[in-house]
Protein backbone atom coordinates (compact mmCIF):
# COMPACT_ATOMS: atom_id res chain seq x y z
CA UNK A 1 -55.99 -37.00 -0.26
CA UNK A 2 -54.75 -39.14 2.47
CA UNK A 3 -58.32 -39.80 4.34
CA UNK A 4 -59.42 -43.22 5.25
CA UNK A 5 -62.37 -44.76 3.60
CA UNK A 6 -65.07 -45.14 4.37
CA UNK A 7 -65.67 -41.77 5.61
CA UNK A 8 -67.46 -41.67 8.85
CA UNK A 9 -70.97 -40.15 9.07
CA UNK A 10 -71.25 -36.50 10.16
CA UNK A 11 -71.67 -36.06 13.94
CA UNK A 12 -73.33 -32.54 13.70
CA UNK A 13 -76.87 -32.24 14.54
CA UNK A 14 -79.06 -31.95 11.34
CA UNK A 15 -81.75 -29.24 11.84
CA UNK A 16 -83.74 -30.01 8.58
CA UNK A 17 -86.46 -32.34 10.05
CA UNK A 18 -87.01 -34.00 6.75
CA UNK A 19 -83.30 -35.10 6.14
CA UNK A 20 -82.74 -38.85 5.83
CA UNK A 21 -79.63 -39.67 3.98
CA UNK A 22 -80.21 -43.38 3.63
CA UNK A 23 -83.91 -43.67 2.73
CA UNK A 24 -84.39 -46.15 5.53
CA UNK A 25 -86.63 -45.43 8.54
CA UNK A 26 -87.58 -41.84 9.54
CA UNK A 27 -88.27 -39.48 8.48
CA UNK A 28 -89.82 -41.39 5.51
CA UNK A 29 -90.94 -39.80 2.21
CA UNK A 30 -93.86 -41.03 0.29
CA UNK A 31 -95.95 -39.75 -2.70
CA UNK A 32 -99.52 -40.19 -4.30
CA UNK A 33 -97.46 -41.28 -7.50
CA UNK A 34 -94.05 -41.65 -8.43
CA UNK A 35 -92.69 -41.92 -12.05
CA UNK A 36 -91.01 -45.22 -12.93
CA UNK A 37 -87.89 -43.18 -13.76
CA UNK A 38 -87.60 -41.69 -10.27
CA UNK A 39 -87.52 -42.39 -6.47
CA UNK A 40 -89.40 -40.56 -3.88
CA UNK A 41 -86.73 -41.10 -1.15
CA UNK A 42 -84.41 -38.71 -2.98
CA UNK A 43 -86.63 -35.69 -2.05
CA UNK A 44 -85.08 -35.84 1.54
CA UNK A 45 -81.46 -37.23 0.90
CA UNK A 46 -79.83 -33.73 1.19
CA UNK A 47 -78.96 -33.82 -2.60
CA UNK A 48 -80.40 -30.96 -4.67
CA UNK A 49 -79.71 -30.96 -8.49
CA UNK A 50 -81.49 -28.68 -10.90
CA UNK A 51 -79.75 -29.85 -14.15
CA UNK A 52 -82.42 -31.19 -16.73
CA UNK A 53 -80.59 -34.55 -16.70
CA UNK A 54 -80.60 -34.99 -12.85
CA UNK A 55 -81.34 -38.46 -11.69
CA UNK A 56 -81.77 -37.32 -8.06
CA UNK A 57 -85.50 -36.43 -7.89
CA UNK A 58 -89.16 -37.15 -7.62
CA UNK A 59 -91.43 -36.53 -10.43
CA UNK A 60 -95.16 -37.17 -11.21
CA UNK A 61 -94.25 -38.03 -14.87
CA UNK A 62 -97.20 -40.23 -16.50
CA UNK A 63 -99.45 -39.50 -13.42
CA UNK A 64 -103.19 -39.49 -14.49
CA UNK A 65 -104.01 -37.71 -11.28
CA UNK A 66 -105.26 -34.01 -11.27
CA UNK A 67 -102.98 -33.26 -8.34
CA UNK A 68 -100.15 -35.22 -6.81
CA UNK A 69 -98.50 -34.85 -3.42
CA UNK A 70 -95.21 -35.85 -1.58
CA UNK A 71 -95.22 -36.27 2.15
CA UNK A 72 -92.69 -36.67 4.97
CA UNK A 73 -93.62 -38.79 7.96
CA UNK A 74 -91.13 -37.66 10.75
CA UNK A 75 -91.90 -40.65 12.96
CA UNK A 76 -92.75 -38.30 15.91
CA UNK A 77 -93.83 -34.70 16.35
CA UNK A 78 -91.64 -31.88 15.14
CA UNK A 79 -92.00 -28.13 15.58
CA UNK A 80 -91.83 -26.25 11.92
CA UNK A 81 -92.67 -23.27 10.10
CA UNK A 82 -90.61 -23.17 6.86
CA UNK A 83 -90.52 -25.69 4.01
CA UNK A 84 -87.94 -25.31 1.33
CA UNK A 85 -89.28 -26.86 -2.05
CA UNK A 86 -86.27 -27.49 -4.58
CA UNK A 87 -88.64 -27.66 -7.59
CA UNK A 88 -87.32 -29.64 -10.39
CA UNK A 89 -88.08 -28.88 -14.00
CA UNK A 90 -86.65 -30.12 -17.47
CA UNK A 91 -88.02 -27.38 -19.55
CA UNK A 92 -90.33 -30.07 -21.07
CA UNK A 93 -92.84 -32.38 -19.51
CA UNK A 94 -91.73 -31.58 -16.05
CA UNK A 95 -92.40 -27.98 -15.05
CA UNK A 96 -93.18 -25.80 -12.09
CA UNK A 97 -96.59 -26.59 -10.87
CA UNK A 98 -99.48 -24.15 -11.46
CA UNK A 99 -99.80 -23.95 -7.53
CA UNK A 100 -99.13 -25.90 -4.50
CA UNK A 101 -100.51 -26.17 -0.96
CA UNK A 102 -99.16 -27.50 2.34
CA UNK A 103 -101.04 -29.83 4.60
CA UNK A 104 -100.08 -31.03 8.09
CA UNK A 105 -101.27 -34.21 10.06
CA UNK A 106 -103.61 -33.08 12.96
CA UNK A 107 -105.91 -35.21 15.08
CA UNK A 108 -105.80 -38.07 12.72
CA UNK A 109 -106.25 -36.36 9.39
CA UNK A 110 -104.66 -33.77 6.95
CA UNK A 111 -105.26 -30.13 7.67
CA UNK A 112 -104.44 -27.32 5.19
CA UNK A 113 -101.48 -25.19 6.80
CA UNK A 114 -102.18 -21.35 6.20
CA UNK A 115 -99.27 -20.25 3.98
CA UNK A 116 -97.87 -16.78 5.46
CA UNK A 117 -95.30 -16.18 2.87
CA UNK A 118 -94.08 -17.56 -0.45
CA UNK A 119 -90.83 -16.73 -2.05
CA UNK A 120 -91.07 -16.50 -5.09
CA UNK A 121 -94.77 -15.53 -5.18
CA UNK A 122 -95.33 -18.26 -8.02
CA UNK A 123 -93.73 -21.60 -8.16
CA UNK A 124 -90.33 -21.75 -10.14
CA UNK A 125 -88.53 -24.61 -11.29
CA UNK A 126 -84.75 -24.58 -10.93
CA UNK A 127 -85.03 -22.73 -7.79
CA UNK A 128 -85.45 -23.20 -3.99
CA UNK A 129 -88.99 -22.02 -3.15
CA UNK A 130 -89.35 -20.84 0.46
CA UNK A 131 -92.72 -21.40 2.11
CA UNK A 132 -93.53 -19.98 5.35
CA UNK A 133 -96.63 -21.43 7.39
CA UNK A 134 -98.21 -20.81 10.79
CA UNK A 135 -95.94 -22.46 13.14
CA UNK A 136 -96.93 -25.93 13.84
CA UNK A 137 -96.19 -29.16 15.71
CA UNK A 138 -96.97 -32.20 13.61
CA UNK A 139 -95.81 -35.73 12.83
CA UNK A 140 -96.26 -35.43 9.01
CA UNK A 141 -96.24 -32.79 6.39
CA UNK A 142 -97.26 -32.98 2.77
CA UNK A 143 -97.21 -30.71 -0.30
CA UNK A 144 -99.92 -31.05 -2.84
CA UNK A 145 -98.95 -29.91 -6.27
CA UNK A 146 -101.50 -28.96 -9.03
CA UNK A 147 -99.50 -29.19 -12.35
CA UNK A 148 -99.81 -27.01 -15.34
CA UNK A 149 -102.10 -28.52 -17.99
CA UNK A 150 -100.41 -31.31 -19.71
CA UNK A 151 -97.24 -31.14 -17.44
CA UNK A 152 -96.05 -32.94 -14.36
CA UNK A 153 -94.46 -31.72 -11.18
CA UNK A 154 -91.15 -32.51 -9.63
CA UNK A 155 -88.90 -32.05 -6.69
CA UNK A 156 -85.18 -32.65 -6.15
CA UNK A 157 -85.25 -31.88 -2.45
CA UNK A 158 -87.69 -31.00 0.37
CA UNK A 159 -86.54 -29.44 3.55
CA UNK A 160 -88.42 -28.73 6.58
CA UNK A 161 -87.18 -26.13 9.27
CA UNK A 162 -87.98 -24.15 12.35
CA UNK A 163 -87.28 -20.68 10.91
CA UNK A 164 -85.27 -19.93 14.05
CA UNK A 165 -82.86 -22.70 12.91
CA UNK A 166 -82.34 -21.80 9.28
């Protein structure tokens, strides 16, 4: 085409509270463990790839932990009630977890967020898993994965929304 490069950044307001295209500043992604082959900053860059060879992902591959988590620090309080987990799997070592839970930062510590609805009911790799929680205002959220025995967890994207803005 005849456009001018570089393309200017979008000016539309982003409603996904976790989105950070550059990986710098807030919202900031972190994890209990990140495989040497992956980058946790890629869970909130707005890119979701489910192919087995995707390089845009976080995984806990090679982790010795019984559970691993990913977290988003918003840098300030946000209202939200819905998480979209783009669960990654390669049909080998990285598979959908056995289970997961959501926690939010409240009064200086992590508190379990009651899950109202999951779709699908059981975690599924290669799909967007929708998690509805009790509406909350918090500065951080994390998802704790319990992997299947001998396997590891992975995400290609994590979105955090207020349901009314989906």
